[in-house]
Amino acid sequence: MLEGDQGGRKSSTVAEAYRKAGPYLSASSLLTSSVGLWTVVGYFLDRKLGTAPWCLLAGSLSGISLGFYLFLRTILALGAKEKADAANGSGDVRHER
């Protein structure tokens, strides 16, 4: 019985860790997907227009810029939310109604 209890607590802590890491994983996927998308757009524009490598470079730089903007905006919003939660005293305490 003791092993089941430990396993339940372990899965609970793992689930809690994923729940806390979720917004940060989302922010990093915004960064990578933005870079990937705009690089592919630039590549296909280069193929269509015959302007290699200029659209590819412009697309990748645009993707990097937009990705970092979205990443930083998300991370700063999460920091502000955590600071507001700490100021309100709510923290990780969950209230059931």
PDB file of N, CA and C in Angstrom:
ATOM      1  N   MET A   1       0.817  -1.195   0.000  1.00  0.00           N
ATOM      2  CA  MET A   1       0.000   0.000   0.000  1.00  0.00           C
ATOM      3  C   MET A   1       0.861   1.260   0.000  1.00  0.00           C
ATOM      4  N   LEU A   2       1.992   1.168   0.652  1.00  0.00           N
ATOM      5  CA  LEU A   2       2.847   2.336   0.749  1.00  0.00           C
ATOM      6  C   LEU A   2       3.361   2.767  -0.631  1.00  0.00           C
ATOM      7  N   GLU A   3       3.653   1.793  -1.497  1.00  0.00           N
ATOM      8  CA  GLU A   3       4.139   2.133  -2.826  1.00  0.00           C
ATOM      9  C   GLU A   3       3.091   2.885  -3.626  1.00  0.00           C
ATOM     10  N   GLY A   4       1.838   2.497  -3.508  1.00  0.00           N
ATOM     11  CA  GLY A   4       0.764   3.186  -4.216  1.00  0.00           C
ATOM     12  C   GLY A   4       0.632   4.634  -3.770  1.00  0.00           C
ATOM     13  N   ASP A   5       0.797   4.844  -2.467  1.00  0.00           N
ATOM     14  CA  ASP A   5       0.723   6.208  -1.947  1.00  0.00           C
ATOM     15  C   ASP A   5       1.866   7.060  -2.493  1.00  0.00           C
ATOM     16  N   GLN A   6       3.061   6.483  -2.525  1.00  0.00           N
ATOM     17  CA  GLN A   6       4.201   7.227  -3.055  1.00  0.00           C
ATOM     18  C   GLN A   6       4.021   7.504  -4.535  1.00  0.00           C
ATOM     19  N   GLY A   7       3.518   6.526  -5.264  1.00  0.00           N
ATOM     20  CA  GLY A   7       3.289   6.708  -6.684  1.00  0.00           C
ATOM     21  C   GLY A   7       2.247   7.779  -6.947  1.00  0.00           C
ATOM     22  N   GLY A   8       1.203   7.842  -6.117  1.00  0.00           N
ATOM     23  CA  GLY A   8       0.175   8.863  -6.260  1.00  0.00           C
ATOM     24  C   GLY A   8       0.715  10.248  -5.994  1.00  0.00           C
ATOM     25  N   ARG A   9       1.538  10.358  -4.978  1.00  0.00           N
ATOM     26  CA  ARG A   9       2.147  11.656  -4.673  1.00  0.00           C
ATOM     27  C   ARG A   9       3.132  12.056  -5.752  1.00  0.00           C
ATOM     28  N   LYS A  10       3.864  11.079  -6.280  1.00  0.00           N
ATOM     29  CA  LYS A  10       4.843  11.368  -7.321  1.00  0.00           C
ATOM     30  C   LYS A  10       4.148  11.859  -8.582  1.00  0.00           C
ATOM     31  N   SER A  11       3.069  11.192  -8.995  1.00  0.00           N
ATOM     32  CA  SER A  11       2.363  11.640 -10.191  1.00  0.00           C
ATOM     33  C   SER A  11       1.697  12.987  -9.957  1.00  0.00           C
ATOM     34  N   SER A  12       1.292  13.246  -8.732  1.00  0.00           N
ATOM     35  CA  SER A  12       0.691  14.530  -8.409  1.00  0.00           C
ATOM     36  C   SER A  12       1.728  15.648  -8.516  1.00  0.00           C
ATOM     37  N   THR A  13       2.929  15.393  -8.035  1.00  0.00           N
ATOM     38  CA  THR A  13       3.970  16.415  -8.127  1.00  0.00           C
ATOM     39  C   THR A  13       4.437  16.597  -9.557  1.00  0.00           C
ATOM     40  N   VAL A  14       4.466  15.534 -10.333  1.00  0.00           N
ATOM     41  CA  VAL A  14       4.838  15.643 -11.744  1.00  0.00           C
ATOM     42  C   VAL A  14       3.772  16.439 -12.494  1.00  0.00           C
ATOM     43  N   ALA A  15       2.514  16.152 -12.211  1.00  0.00           N
ATOM     44  CA  ALA A  15       1.423  16.893 -12.857  1.00  0.00           C
ATOM     45  C   ALA A  15       1.481  18.367 -12.483  1.00  0.00           C
ATOM     46  N   GLU A  16       1.785  18.646 -11.236  1.00  0.00           N
ATOM     47  CA  GLU A  16       1.900  20.034 -10.790  1.00  0.00           C
ATOM     48  C   GLU A  16       3.073  20.730 -11.477  1.00  0.00           C
ATOM     49  N   ALA A  17       4.168  20.005 -11.657  1.00  0.00           N
ATOM     50  CA  ALA A  17       5.330  20.589 -12.337  1.00  0.00           C
ATOM     51  C   ALA A  17       4.989  20.920 -13.790  1.00  0.00           C
ATOM     52  N   TYR A  18       4.292  20.019 -14.474  1.00  0.00           N
ATOM     53  CA  TYR A  18       3.880  20.291 -15.857  1.00  0.00           C
ATOM     54  C   TYR A  18       2.892  21.454 -15.912  1.00  0.00           C
ATOM     55  N   ARG A  19       2.023  21.544 -14.937  1.00  0.00           N
ATOM     56  CA  ARG A  19       1.050  22.634 -14.896  1.00  0.00           C
ATOM     57  C   ARG A  19       1.762  23.977 -14.736  1.00  0.00           C
ATOM     58  N   LYS A  20       2.794  24.004 -13.920  1.00  0.00           N
ATOM     59  CA  LYS A  20       3.550  25.239 -13.722  1.00  0.00           C
ATOM     60  C   LYS A  20       4.424  25.558 -14.930  1.00  0.00           C
ATOM     61  N   ALA A  21       4.946  24.532 -15.604  1.00  0.00           N
ATOM     62  CA  ALA A  21       5.839  24.739 -16.741  1.00  0.00           C
ATOM     63  C   ALA A  21       5.083  25.015 -18.035  1.00  0.00           C
ATOM     64  N   GLY A  22       3.802  24.728 -18.079  1.00  0.00           N
ATOM     65  CA  GLY A  22       3.008  24.870 -19.300  1.00  0.00           C
ATOM     66  C   GLY A  22       3.097  26.230 -19.965  1.00  0.00           C
ATOM     67  N   PRO A  23       2.901  27.322 -19.236  1.00  0.00           N
ATOM     68  CA  PRO A  23       2.999  28.642 -19.874  1.00  0.00           C
ATOM     69  C   PRO A  23       4.382  28.933 -20.452  1.00  0.00           C
ATOM     70  N   TYR A  24       5.421  28.443 -19.794  1.00  0.00           N
ATOM     71  CA  TYR A  24       6.777  28.664 -20.286  1.00  0.00           C
ATOM     72  C   TYR A  24       7.052  27.821 -21.527  1.00  0.00           C
ATOM     73  N   LEU A  25       6.527  26.607 -21.548  1.00  0.00           N
ATOM     74  CA  LEU A  25       6.645  25.776 -22.750  1.00  0.00           C
ATOM     75  C   LEU A  25       5.893  26.406 -23.916  1.00  0.00           C
ATOM     76  N   SER A  26       4.753  26.983 -23.625  1.00  0.00           N
ATOM     77  CA  SER A  26       3.977  27.672 -24.657  1.00  0.00           C
ATOM     78  C   SER A  26       4.745  28.868 -25.209  1.00  0.00           C
ATOM     79  N   ALA A  27       5.382  29.628 -24.337  1.00  0.00           N
ATOM     80  CA  ALA A  27       6.151  30.794 -24.778  1.00  0.00           C
ATOM     81  C   ALA A  27       7.319  30.375 -25.660  1.00  0.00           C
ATOM     82  N   SER A  28       8.000  29.300 -25.297  1.00  0.00           N
ATOM     83  CA  SER A  28       9.129  28.856 -26.118  1.00  0.00           C
ATOM     84  C   SER A  28       8.665  28.284 -27.448  1.00  0.00           C
ATOM     85  N   SER A  29       7.497  27.647 -27.475  1.00  0.00           N
ATOM     86  CA  SER A  29       6.992  27.136 -28.750  1.00  0.00           C
ATOM     87  C   SER A  29       6.538  28.279 -29.655  1.00  0.00           C
ATOM     88  N   LEU A  30       6.074  29.392 -29.080  1.00  0.00           N
ATOM     89  CA  LEU A  30       5.770  30.587 -29.880  1.00  0.00           C
ATOM     90  C   LEU A  30       7.023  31.088 -30.579  1.00  0.00           C
ATOM     91  N   LEU A  31       8.126  31.105 -29.859  1.00  0.00           N
ATOM     92  CA  LEU A  31       9.388  31.570 -30.427  1.00  0.00           C
ATOM     93  C   LEU A  31       9.832  30.675 -31.580  1.00  0.00           C
ATOM     94  N   THR A  32       9.879  29.380 -31.354  1.00  0.00           N
ATOM     95  CA  THR A  32      10.371  28.477 -32.389  1.00  0.00           C
ATOM     96  C   THR A  32       9.440  28.401 -33.590  1.00  0.00           C
ATOM     97  N   SER A  33       8.133  28.415 -33.353  1.00  0.00           N
ATOM     98  CA  SER A  33       7.208  28.335 -34.478  1.00  0.00           C
ATOM     99  C   SER A  33       7.214  29.609 -35.308  1.00  0.00           C
ATOM    100  N   SER A  34       7.413  30.751 -34.676  1.00  0.00           N
ATOM    101  CA  SER A  34       7.489  32.012 -35.411  1.00  0.00           C
ATOM    102  C   SER A  34       8.711  32.028 -36.320  1.00  0.00           C
ATOM    103  N   VAL A  35       9.841  31.616 -35.797  1.00  0.00           N
ATOM    104  CA  VAL A  35      11.065  31.572 -36.606  1.00  0.00           C
ATOM    105  C   VAL A  35      10.890  30.591 -37.758  1.00  0.00           C
ATOM    106  N   GLY A  36      10.374  29.410 -37.465  1.00  0.00           N
ATOM    107  CA  GLY A  36      10.183  28.395 -38.506  1.00  0.00           C
ATOM    108  C   GLY A  36       9.206  28.835 -39.583  1.00  0.00           C
ATOM    109  N   LEU A  37       8.089  29.393 -39.179  1.00  0.00           N
ATOM    110  CA  LEU A  37       7.066  29.800 -40.145  1.00  0.00           C
ATOM    111  C   LEU A  37       7.584  30.870 -41.089  1.00  0.00           C
ATOM    112  N   TRP A  38       8.185  31.934 -40.539  1.00  0.00           N
ATOM    113  CA  TRP A  38       8.631  33.041 -41.383  1.00  0.00           C
ATOM    114  C   TRP A  38       9.846  32.673 -42.226  1.00  0.00           C
ATOM    115  N   THR A  39      10.658  31.725 -41.766  1.00  0.00           N
ATOM    116  CA  THR A  39      11.757  31.238 -42.593  1.00  0.00           C
ATOM    117  C   THR A  39      11.218  30.467 -43.788  1.00  0.00           C
ATOM    118  N   VAL A  40      10.217  29.644 -43.578  1.00  0.00           N
ATOM    119  CA  VAL A  40       9.610  28.890 -44.676  1.00  0.00           C
ATOM    120  C   VAL A  40       8.913  29.834 -45.660  1.00  0.00           C
ATOM    121  N   VAL A  41       8.234  30.858 -45.137  1.00  0.00           N
ATOM    122  CA  VAL A  41       7.593  31.843 -46.015  1.00  0.00           C
ATOM    123  C   VAL A  41       8.645  32.539 -46.883  1.00  0.00           C
ATOM    124  N   GLY A  42       9.749  32.933 -46.271  1.00  0.00           N
ATOM    125  CA  GLY A  42      10.828  33.572 -47.031  1.00  0.00           C
ATOM    126  C   GLY A  42      11.414  32.652 -48.076  1.00  0.00           C
ATOM    127  N   TYR A  43      11.577  31.387 -47.744  1.00  0.00           N
ATOM    128  CA  TYR A  43      12.113  30.409 -48.689  1.00  0.00           C
ATOM    129  C   TYR A  43      11.214  30.286 -49.917  1.00  0.00           C
ATOM    130  N   PHE A  44       9.918  30.139 -49.676  1.00  0.00           N
ATOM    131  CA  PHE A  44       9.009  29.976 -50.808  1.00  0.00           C
ATOM    132  C   PHE A  44       8.870  31.257 -51.619  1.00  0.00           C
ATOM    133  N   LEU A  45       8.948  32.412 -50.970  1.00  0.00           N
ATOM    134  CA  LEU A  45       8.948  33.664 -51.726  1.00  0.00           C
ATOM    135  C   LEU A  45      10.196  33.766 -52.608  1.00  0.00           C
ATOM    136  N   ASP A  46      11.327  33.346 -52.087  1.00  0.00           N
ATOM    137  CA  ASP A  46      12.554  33.337 -52.890  1.00  0.00           C
ATOM    138  C   ASP A  46      12.415  32.433 -54.105  1.00  0.00           C
ATOM    139  N   ARG A  47      11.834  31.278 -53.912  1.00  0.00           N
ATOM    140  CA  ARG A  47      11.658  30.355 -55.046  1.00  0.00           C
ATOM    141  C   ARG A  47      10.721  30.941 -56.086  1.00  0.00           C
ATOM    142  N   LYS A  48       9.655  31.592 -55.637  1.00  0.00           N
ATOM    143  CA  LYS A  48       8.671  32.151 -56.559  1.00  0.00           C
ATOM    144  C   LYS A  48       9.199  33.394 -57.275  1.00  0.00           C
ATOM    145  N   LEU A  49       9.889  34.266 -56.530  1.00  0.00           N
ATOM    146  CA  LEU A  49      10.350  35.530 -57.084  1.00  0.00           C
ATOM    147  C   LEU A  49      11.767  35.469 -57.650  1.00  0.00           C
ATOM    148  N   GLY A  50      12.516  34.428 -57.336  1.00  0.00           N
ATOM    149  CA  GLY A  50      13.891  34.305 -57.808  1.00  0.00           C
ATOM    150  C   GLY A  50      14.829  35.310 -57.171  1.00  0.00           C
ATOM    151  N   THR A  51      14.619  35.617 -55.917  1.00  0.00           N
ATOM    152  CA  THR A  51      15.416  36.629 -55.227  1.00  0.00           C
ATOM    153  C   THR A  51      16.335  36.038 -54.168  1.00  0.00           C
ATOM    154  N   ALA A  52      16.687  34.774 -54.304  1.00  0.00           N
ATOM    155  CA  ALA A  52      17.473  34.094 -53.270  1.00  0.00           C
ATOM    156  C   ALA A  52      18.728  34.879 -52.939  1.00  0.00           C
ATOM    157  N   PRO A  53      19.109  34.999 -51.750  1.00  0.00           N
ATOM    158  CA  PRO A  53      18.574  34.545 -50.477  1.00  0.00           C
ATOM    159  C   PRO A  53      17.867  35.653 -49.697  1.00  0.00           C
ATOM    160  N   TRP A  54      17.461  36.726 -50.354  1.00  0.00           N
ATOM    161  CA  TRP A  54      17.005  37.913 -49.641  1.00  0.00           C
ATOM    162  C   TRP A  54      15.678  37.732 -48.902  1.00  0.00           C
ATOM    163  N   CYS A  55      14.714  37.105 -49.518  1.00  0.00           N
ATOM    164  CA  CYS A  55      13.438  36.884 -48.811  1.00  0.00           C
ATOM    165  C   CYS A  55      13.616  35.892 -47.668  1.00  0.00           C
ATOM    166  N   LEU A  56      14.496  34.916 -47.868  1.00  0.00           N
ATOM    167  CA  LEU A  56      14.788  33.966 -46.798  1.00  0.00           C
ATOM    168  C   LEU A  56      15.406  34.691 -45.603  1.00  0.00           C
ATOM    169  N   LEU A  57      16.358  35.556 -45.855  1.00  0.00           N
ATOM    170  CA  LEU A  57      16.971  36.318 -44.760  1.00  0.00           C
ATOM    171  C   LEU A  57      15.959  37.245 -44.099  1.00  0.00           C
ATOM    172  N   ALA A  58      15.172  37.940 -44.899  1.00  0.00           N
ATOM    173  CA  ALA A  58      14.165  38.847 -44.339  1.00  0.00           C
ATOM    174  C   ALA A  58      13.120  38.070 -43.539  1.00  0.00           C
ATOM    175  N   GLY A  59      12.697  36.934 -44.045  1.00  0.00           N
ATOM    176  CA  GLY A  59      11.716  36.119 -43.334  1.00  0.00           C
ATOM    177  C   GLY A  59      12.260  35.578 -42.030  1.00  0.00           C
ATOM    178  N   SER A  60      13.504  35.103 -42.054  1.00  0.00           N
ATOM    179  CA  SER A  60      14.066  34.553 -40.814  1.00  0.00           C
ATOM    180  C   SER A  60      14.311  35.657 -39.782  1.00  0.00           C
ATOM    181  N   LEU A  61      14.781  36.825 -40.225  1.00  0.00           N
ATOM    182  CA  LEU A  61      14.961  37.924 -39.274  1.00  0.00           C
ATOM    183  C   LEU A  61      13.627  38.428 -38.731  1.00  0.00           C
ATOM    184  N   SER A  62      12.614  38.457 -39.583  1.00  0.00           N
ATOM    185  CA  SER A  62      11.277  38.839 -39.111  1.00  0.00           C
ATOM    186  C   SER A  62      10.747  37.829 -38.098  1.00  0.00           C
ATOM    187  N   GLY A  63      10.952  36.554 -38.387  1.00  0.00           N
ATOM    188  CA  GLY A  63      10.516  35.509 -37.467  1.00  0.00           C
ATOM    189  C   GLY A  63      11.226  35.572 -36.136  1.00  0.00           C
ATOM    190  N   ILE A  64      12.529  35.852 -36.174  1.00  0.00           N
ATOM    191  CA  ILE A  64      13.291  35.974 -34.929  1.00  0.00           C
ATOM    192  C   ILE A  64      12.782  37.159 -34.123  1.00  0.00           C
ATOM    193  N   SER A  65      12.582  38.289 -34.794  1.00  0.00           N
ATOM    194  CA  SER A  65      12.105  39.487 -34.100  1.00  0.00           C
ATOM    195  C   SER A  65      10.722  39.273 -33.500  1.00  0.00           C
ATOM    196  N   LEU A  66       9.802  38.763 -34.313  1.00  0.00           N
ATOM    197  CA  LEU A  66       8.447  38.522 -33.833  1.00  0.00           C
ATOM    198  C   LEU A  66       8.440  37.464 -32.736  1.00  0.00           C
ATOM    199  N   GLY A  67       9.227  36.410 -32.896  1.00  0.00           N
ATOM    200  CA  GLY A  67       9.291  35.347 -31.891  1.00  0.00           C
ATOM    201  C   GLY A  67       9.789  35.849 -30.553  1.00  0.00           C
ATOM    202  N   PHE A  68      10.854  36.659 -30.565  1.00  0.00           N
ATOM    203  CA  PHE A  68      11.357  37.203 -29.298  1.00  0.00           C
ATOM    204  C   PHE A  68      10.363  38.172 -28.680  1.00  0.00           C
ATOM    205  N   TYR A  69       9.688  38.953 -29.499  1.00  0.00           N
ATOM    206  CA  TYR A  69       8.668  39.858 -28.968  1.00  0.00           C
ATOM    207  C   TYR A  69       7.565  39.064 -28.263  1.00  0.00           C
ATOM    208  N   LEU A  70       7.045  38.036 -28.928  1.00  0.00           N
ATOM    209  CA  LEU A  70       5.982  37.220 -28.338  1.00  0.00           C
ATOM    210  C   LEU A  70       6.469  36.485 -27.089  1.00  0.00           C
ATOM    211  N   PHE A  71       7.695  35.980 -27.154  1.00  0.00           N
ATOM    212  CA  PHE A  71       8.278  35.268 -26.015  1.00  0.00           C
ATOM    213  C   PHE A  71       8.397  36.189 -24.802  1.00  0.00           C
ATOM    214  N   LEU A  72       8.993  37.364 -25.003  1.00  0.00           N
ATOM    215  CA  LEU A  72       9.179  38.287 -23.890  1.00  0.00           C
ATOM    216  C   LEU A  72       7.854  38.812 -23.352  1.00  0.00           C
ATOM    217  N   ARG A  73       6.907  39.076 -24.254  1.00  0.00           N
ATOM    218  CA  ARG A  73       5.596  39.549 -23.809  1.00  0.00           C
ATOM    219  C   ARG A  73       4.922  38.505 -22.922  1.00  0.00           C
ATOM    220  N   THR A  74       4.996  37.244 -23.319  1.00  0.00           N
ATOM    221  CA  THR A  74       4.385  36.168 -22.545  1.00  0.00           C
ATOM    222  C   THR A  74       5.081  35.991 -21.196  1.00  0.00           C
ATOM    223  N   ILE A  75       6.401  35.989 -21.195  1.00  0.00           N
ATOM    224  CA  ILE A  75       7.147  35.800 -19.951  1.00  0.00           C
ATOM    225  C   ILE A  75       6.913  36.962 -18.989  1.00  0.00           C
ATOM    226  N   LEU A  76       6.901  38.184 -19.504  1.00  0.00           N
ATOM    227  CA  LEU A  76       6.654  39.337 -18.628  1.00  0.00           C
ATOM    228  C   LEU A  76       5.236  39.322 -18.069  1.00  0.00           C
ATOM    229  N   ALA A  77       4.264  38.883 -18.871  1.00  0.00           N
ATOM    230  CA  ALA A  77       2.890  38.779 -18.379  1.00  0.00           C
ATOM    231  C   ALA A  77       2.786  37.719 -17.283  1.00  0.00           C
ATOM    232  N   LEU A  78       3.503  36.613 -17.444  1.00  0.00           N
ATOM    233  CA  LEU A  78       3.496  35.577 -16.416  1.00  0.00           C
ATOM    234  C   LEU A  78       4.141  36.082 -15.127  1.00  0.00           C
ATOM    235  N   GLY A  79       5.230  36.836 -15.266  1.00  0.00           N
ATOM    236  CA  GLY A  79       5.880  37.402 -14.087  1.00  0.00           C
ATOM    237  C   GLY A  79       4.979  38.381 -13.360  1.00  0.00           C
ATOM    238  N   ALA A  80       4.265  39.213 -14.117  1.00  0.00           N
ATOM    239  CA  ALA A  80       3.348  40.178 -13.504  1.00  0.00           C
ATOM    240  C   ALA A  80       2.199  39.450 -12.807  1.00  0.00           C
ATOM    241  N   LYS A  81       1.729  38.365 -13.412  1.00  0.00           N
ATOM    242  CA  LYS A  81       0.639  37.595 -12.803  1.00  0.00           C
ATOM    243  C   LYS A  81       1.103  36.942 -11.504  1.00  0.00           C
ATOM    244  N   GLU A  82       2.307  36.373 -11.523  1.00  0.00           N
ATOM    245  CA  GLU A  82       2.830  35.751 -10.302  1.00  0.00           C
ATOM    246  C   GLU A  82       3.049  36.789  -9.208  1.00  0.00           C
ATOM    247  N   LYS A  83       3.518  37.973  -9.593  1.00  0.00           N
ATOM    248  CA  LYS A  83       3.731  39.031  -8.604  1.00  0.00           C
ATOM    249  C   LYS A  83       2.405  39.489  -8.019  1.00  0.00           C
ATOM    250  N   ALA A  84       1.376  39.604  -8.866  1.00  0.00           N
ATOM    251  CA  ALA A  84       0.053  40.012  -8.387  1.00  0.00           C
ATOM    252  C   ALA A  84      -0.544  38.938  -7.485  1.00  0.00           C
ATOM    253  N   ASP A  85      -0.356  37.668  -7.844  1.00  0.00           N
ATOM    254  CA  ASP A  85      -0.849  36.579  -6.996  1.00  0.00           C
ATOM    255  C   ASP A  85      -0.163  36.586  -5.638  1.00  0.00           C
ATOM    256  N   ALA A  86       1.142  36.856  -5.633  1.00  0.00           N
ATOM    257  CA  ALA A  86       1.876  36.889  -4.368  1.00  0.00           C
ATOM    258  C   ALA A  86       1.424  38.083  -3.518  1.00  0.00           C
ATOM    259  N   ALA A  87       1.156  39.216  -4.161  1.00  0.00           N
ATOM    260  CA  ALA A  87       0.702  40.400  -3.416  1.00  0.00           C
ATOM    261  C   ALA A  87      -0.684  40.197  -2.827  1.00  0.00           C
ATOM    262  N   ASN A  88      -1.528  39.449  -3.533  1.00  0.00           N
ATOM    263  CA  ASN A  88      -2.882  39.183  -3.048  1.00  0.00           C
ATOM    264  C   ASN A  88      -2.908  38.054  -2.037  1.00  0.00           C
ATOM    265  N   GLY A  89      -1.791  37.355  -1.917  1.00  0.00           N
ATOM    266  CA  GLY A  89      -1.721  36.275  -0.943  1.00  0.00           C
ATOM    267  C   GLY A  89      -2.354  34.991  -1.415  1.00  0.00           C
ATOM    268  N   SER A  90      -2.720  34.912  -2.699  1.00  0.00           N
ATOM    269  CA  SER A  90      -3.371  33.690  -3.165  1.00  0.00           C
ATOM    270  C   SER A  90      -2.352  32.592  -3.405  1.00  0.00           C
ATOM    271  N   GLY A  91      -1.188  32.900  -3.961  1.00  0.00           N
ATOM    272  CA  GLY A  91      -0.145  31.902  -4.169  1.00  0.00           C
ATOM    273  C   GLY A  91      -0.669  30.683  -4.882  1.00  0.00           C
ATOM    274  N   ASP A  92      -0.308  29.499  -4.349  1.00  0.00           N
ATOM    275  CA  ASP A  92      -0.757  28.241  -4.935  1.00  0.00           C
ATOM    276  C   ASP A  92      -1.933  27.651  -4.183  1.00  0.00           C
ATOM    277  N   VAL A  93      -2.503  28.385  -3.271  1.00  0.00           N
ATOM    278  CA  VAL A  93      -3.631  27.884  -2.499  1.00  0.00           C
ATOM    279  C   VAL A  93      -4.866  27.890  -3.386  1.00  0.00           C
ATOM    280  N   ARG A  94      -5.526  26.751  -3.447  1.00  0.00           N
ATOM    281  CA  ARG A  94      -6.726  26.645  -4.271  1.00  0.00           C
ATOM    282  C   ARG A  94      -7.939  26.609  -3.362  1.00  0.00           C
ATOM    283  N   HIS A  95      -8.897  27.465  -3.665  1.00  0.00           N
ATOM    284  CA  HIS A  95     -10.124  27.534  -2.883  1.00  0.00           C
ATOM    285  C   HIS A  95     -11.230  26.828  -3.635  1.00  0.00           C
ATOM    286  N   GLU A  96     -11.924  25.928  -2.928  1.00  0.00           N
ATOM    287  CA  GLU A  96     -13.055  25.237  -3.542  1.00  0.00           C
ATOM    288  C   GLU A  96     -14.333  25.906  -3.093  1.00  0.00           C
ATOM    289  N   ARG A  97     -15.251  26.024  -4.028  1.00  0.00           N
ATOM    290  CA  ARG A  97     -16.553  26.629  -3.691  1.00  0.00           C
ATOM    291  C   ARG A  97     -17.640  25.630  -3.811  1.00  0.00           C
TER     292      ARG A  97
END
